[in-house]
């Protein structure tokens, strides 16, 4: 599963196997091996991959299907991958509206 996820993340970023290998300080053949599930990256390399692509280890390992951020905060809300910029902005606007409402209610209380 990690090989499929790694290949997907790399291609989504327009990165070649060689570029990824350089960033991970491994050989091109090693990256190819990871992507074909012929070898498993060490825990240290898994962490580098998660940080590089900003995805959780749970996502990278195939335990969850939502690519949560590696650097997420506890109250982070994952949005669907196919959300447009406009849809993402609508979510932000709604959150701002809810914050405004909450502040208004606290002032009235």
C-alpha atoms as a PDB file:
ATOM      1  CA  UNK A   1       0.000   0.000   0.000  1.00  0.00           C
ATOM      2  CA  UNK A   2       2.798   2.430   0.805  1.00  0.00           C
ATOM      3  CA  UNK A   3       4.177   2.055  -2.720  1.00  0.00           C
ATOM      4  CA  UNK A   4       0.903   3.056  -4.328  1.00  0.00           C
ATOM      5  CA  UNK A   5       0.494   6.029  -2.006  1.00  0.00           C
ATOM      6  CA  UNK A   6       4.074   7.145  -2.528  1.00  0.00           C
ATOM      7  CA  UNK A   7       3.740   7.018  -6.296  1.00  0.00           C
ATOM      8  CA  UNK A   8       0.453   8.929  -6.156  1.00  0.00           C
ATOM      9  CA  UNK A   9       1.913  11.648  -3.928  1.00  0.00           C
ATOM     10  CA  UNK A  10       5.025  11.979  -6.074  1.00  0.00           C
ATOM     11  CA  UNK A  11       3.081  12.214  -9.333  1.00  0.00           C
ATOM     12  CA  UNK A  12       0.543  14.659  -7.855  1.00  0.00           C
ATOM     13  CA  UNK A  13       3.477  16.976  -7.098  1.00  0.00           C
ATOM     14  CA  UNK A  14       4.948  16.533 -10.580  1.00  0.00           C
ATOM     15  CA  UNK A  15       8.087  15.012  -9.105  1.00  0.00           C
ATOM     16  CA  UNK A  16      10.237  12.378 -10.790  1.00  0.00           C
ATOM     17  CA  UNK A  17      11.574   9.335  -8.991  1.00  0.00           C
ATOM     18  CA  UNK A  18      15.051  10.830  -9.312  1.00  0.00           C
ATOM     19  CA  UNK A  19      13.952  14.100  -7.670  1.00  0.00           C
ATOM     20  CA  UNK A  20      12.309  12.206  -4.828  1.00  0.00           C
ATOM     21  CA  UNK A  21      15.400  10.044  -4.385  1.00  0.00           C
ATOM     22  CA  UNK A  22      17.555  13.163  -4.054  1.00  0.00           C
ATOM     23  CA  UNK A  23      15.217  14.667  -1.442  1.00  0.00           C
ATOM     24  CA  UNK A  24      15.196  11.443   0.570  1.00  0.00           C
ATOM     25  CA  UNK A  25      18.955  10.875   0.121  1.00  0.00           C
ATOM     26  CA  UNK A  26      18.404   7.426  -1.359  1.00  0.00           C
ATOM     27  CA  UNK A  27      19.015   6.014  -4.818  1.00  0.00           C
ATOM     28  CA  UNK A  28      16.602   6.157  -7.738  1.00  0.00           C
ATOM     29  CA  UNK A  29      16.407   2.350  -7.582  1.00  0.00           C
ATOM     30  CA  UNK A  30      15.386   2.506  -3.928  1.00  0.00           C
ATOM     31  CA  UNK A  31      12.463   4.815  -4.698  1.00  0.00           C
ATOM     32  CA  UNK A  32      11.439   2.554  -7.563  1.00  0.00           C
ATOM     33  CA  UNK A  33      11.583  -0.401  -5.192  1.00  0.00           C
ATOM     34  CA  UNK A  34       9.395   1.394  -2.637  1.00  0.00           C
ATOM     35  CA  UNK A  35       6.811   2.282  -5.284  1.00  0.00           C
ATOM     36  CA  UNK A  36       6.610  -1.311  -6.515  1.00  0.00           C
ATOM     37  CA  UNK A  37       6.336  -2.600  -2.918  1.00  0.00           C
ATOM     38  CA  UNK A  38       9.503  -4.641  -3.375  1.00  0.00           C
ATOM     39  CA  UNK A  39      11.059  -3.049  -0.331  1.00  0.00           C
ATOM     40  CA  UNK A  40       9.724  -1.124   2.633  1.00  0.00           C
ATOM     41  CA  UNK A  41      11.195   2.234   3.638  1.00  0.00           C
ATOM     42  CA  UNK A  42      12.722   2.448   7.096  1.00  0.00           C
ATOM     43  CA  UNK A  43      10.780   4.325   9.750  1.00  0.00           C
ATOM     44  CA  UNK A  44      13.160   7.256   9.293  1.00  0.00           C
ATOM     45  CA  UNK A  45      12.408   7.397   5.547  1.00  0.00           C
ATOM     46  CA  UNK A  46       8.666   7.072   6.193  1.00  0.00           C
ATOM     47  CA  UNK A  47       8.881  10.152   8.415  1.00  0.00           C
ATOM     48  CA  UNK A  48      10.826  12.034   5.729  1.00  0.00           C
ATOM     49  CA  UNK A  49       8.167  11.125   3.149  1.00  0.00           C
ATOM     50  CA  UNK A  50       5.336  12.194   5.462  1.00  0.00           C
ATOM     51  CA  UNK A  51       7.022  15.526   6.157  1.00  0.00           C
ATOM     52  CA  UNK A  52       7.937  16.091   2.515  1.00  0.00           C
ATOM     53  CA  UNK A  53       4.398  15.524   1.233  1.00  0.00           C
ATOM     54  CA  UNK A  54       2.705  16.829   4.408  1.00  0.00           C
ATOM     55  CA  UNK A  55       0.598  13.707   4.954  1.00  0.00           C
ATOM     56  CA  UNK A  56       0.048  11.657   8.087  1.00  0.00           C
ATOM     57  CA  UNK A  57       1.779   8.335   8.523  1.00  0.00           C
ATOM     58  CA  UNK A  58      -1.677   6.761   8.807  1.00  0.00           C
ATOM     59  CA  UNK A  59      -2.445   7.944   5.280  1.00  0.00           C
ATOM     60  CA  UNK A  60       0.952   6.942   3.936  1.00  0.00           C
ATOM     61  CA  UNK A  61       0.583   3.426   5.342  1.00  0.00           C
ATOM     62  CA  UNK A  62      -2.953   3.049   4.000  1.00  0.00           C
ATOM     63  CA  UNK A  63      -4.663   2.997   7.396  1.00  0.00           C
ATOM     64  CA  UNK A  64      -6.884   5.950   6.453  1.00  0.00           C
ATOM     65  CA  UNK A  65      -7.924   7.360   3.087  1.00  0.00           C
ATOM     66  CA  UNK A  66      -8.021  11.045   4.017  1.00  0.00           C
ATOM     67  CA  UNK A  67      -4.601  12.679   3.548  1.00  0.00           C
ATOM     68  CA  UNK A  68      -4.421  14.505   6.879  1.00  0.00           C
ATOM     69  CA  UNK A  69      -1.558  16.928   7.298  1.00  0.00           C
ATOM     70  CA  UNK A  70       1.582  15.676   9.023  1.00  0.00           C
ATOM     71  CA  UNK A  71       1.691  18.999  10.871  1.00  0.00           C
ATOM     72  CA  UNK A  72      -1.990  19.140  11.734  1.00  0.00           C
ATOM     73  CA  UNK A  73      -3.327  20.697  14.855  1.00  0.00           C
ATOM     74  CA  UNK A  74      -5.803  18.798  17.031  1.00  0.00           C
ATOM     75  CA  UNK A  75      -8.811  20.665  15.643  1.00  0.00           C
ATOM     76  CA  UNK A  76      -7.770  20.371  11.990  1.00  0.00           C
ATOM     77  CA  UNK A  77     -10.606  19.688   9.558  1.00  0.00           C
ATOM     78  CA  UNK A  78      -9.644  17.664   6.482  1.00  0.00           C
ATOM     79  CA  UNK A  79     -11.368  18.717   3.268  1.00  0.00           C
ATOM     80  CA  UNK A  80     -11.996  16.422   0.314  1.00  0.00           C
ATOM     81  CA  UNK A  81      -9.077  16.341  -2.135  1.00  0.00           C
ATOM     82  CA  UNK A  82     -11.305  17.407  -5.011  1.00  0.00           C
ATOM     83  CA  UNK A  83     -12.593  20.584  -3.321  1.00  0.00           C
ATOM     84  CA  UNK A  84     -12.079  23.583  -5.561  1.00  0.00           C
ATOM     85  CA  UNK A  85     -10.467  26.792  -4.326  1.00  0.00           C
ATOM     86  CA  UNK A  86     -13.936  28.340  -4.271  1.00  0.00           C
ATOM     87  CA  UNK A  87     -15.356  25.529  -2.123  1.00  0.00           C
ATOM     88  CA  UNK A  88     -12.416  25.778   0.264  1.00  0.00           C
ATOM     89  CA  UNK A  89     -13.001  29.525   0.540  1.00  0.00           C
ATOM     90  CA  UNK A  90     -16.688  28.904   1.291  1.00  0.00           C
ATOM     91  CA  UNK A  91     -15.698  26.621   4.170  1.00  0.00           C
ATOM     92  CA  UNK A  92     -13.334  29.302   5.515  1.00  0.00           C
ATOM     93  CA  UNK A  93     -16.079  31.912   5.258  1.00  0.00           C
ATOM     94  CA  UNK A  94     -18.496  29.662   7.123  1.00  0.00           C
ATOM     95  CA  UNK A  95     -15.973  29.094   9.911  1.00  0.00           C
ATOM     96  CA  UNK A  96     -15.475  32.868  10.195  1.00  0.00           C
ATOM     97  CA  UNK A  97     -19.259  33.292  10.370  1.00  0.00           C
ATOM     98  CA  UNK A  98     -19.495  30.724  13.178  1.00  0.00           C
ATOM     99  CA  UNK A  99     -16.702  32.500  15.082  1.00  0.00           C
ATOM    100  CA  UNK A 100     -18.527  35.823  14.655  1.00  0.00           C
ATOM    101  CA  UNK A 101     -21.781  34.285  15.917  1.00  0.00           C
ATOM    102  CA  UNK A 102     -20.077  32.764  18.944  1.00  0.00           C
ATOM    103  CA  UNK A 103     -18.423  36.075  19.892  1.00  0.00           C
ATOM    104  CA  UNK A 104     -21.743  37.872  19.464  1.00  0.00           C
ATOM    105  CA  UNK A 105     -23.528  35.352  21.720  1.00  0.00           C
ATOM    106  CA  UNK A 106     -20.845  35.713  24.410  1.00  0.00           C
ATOM    107  CA  UNK A 107     -21.206  39.506  24.390  1.00  0.00           C
ATOM    108  CA  UNK A 108     -24.996  39.242  24.786  1.00  0.00           C
ATOM    109  CA  UNK A 109     -24.722  36.800  27.697  1.00  0.00           C
END
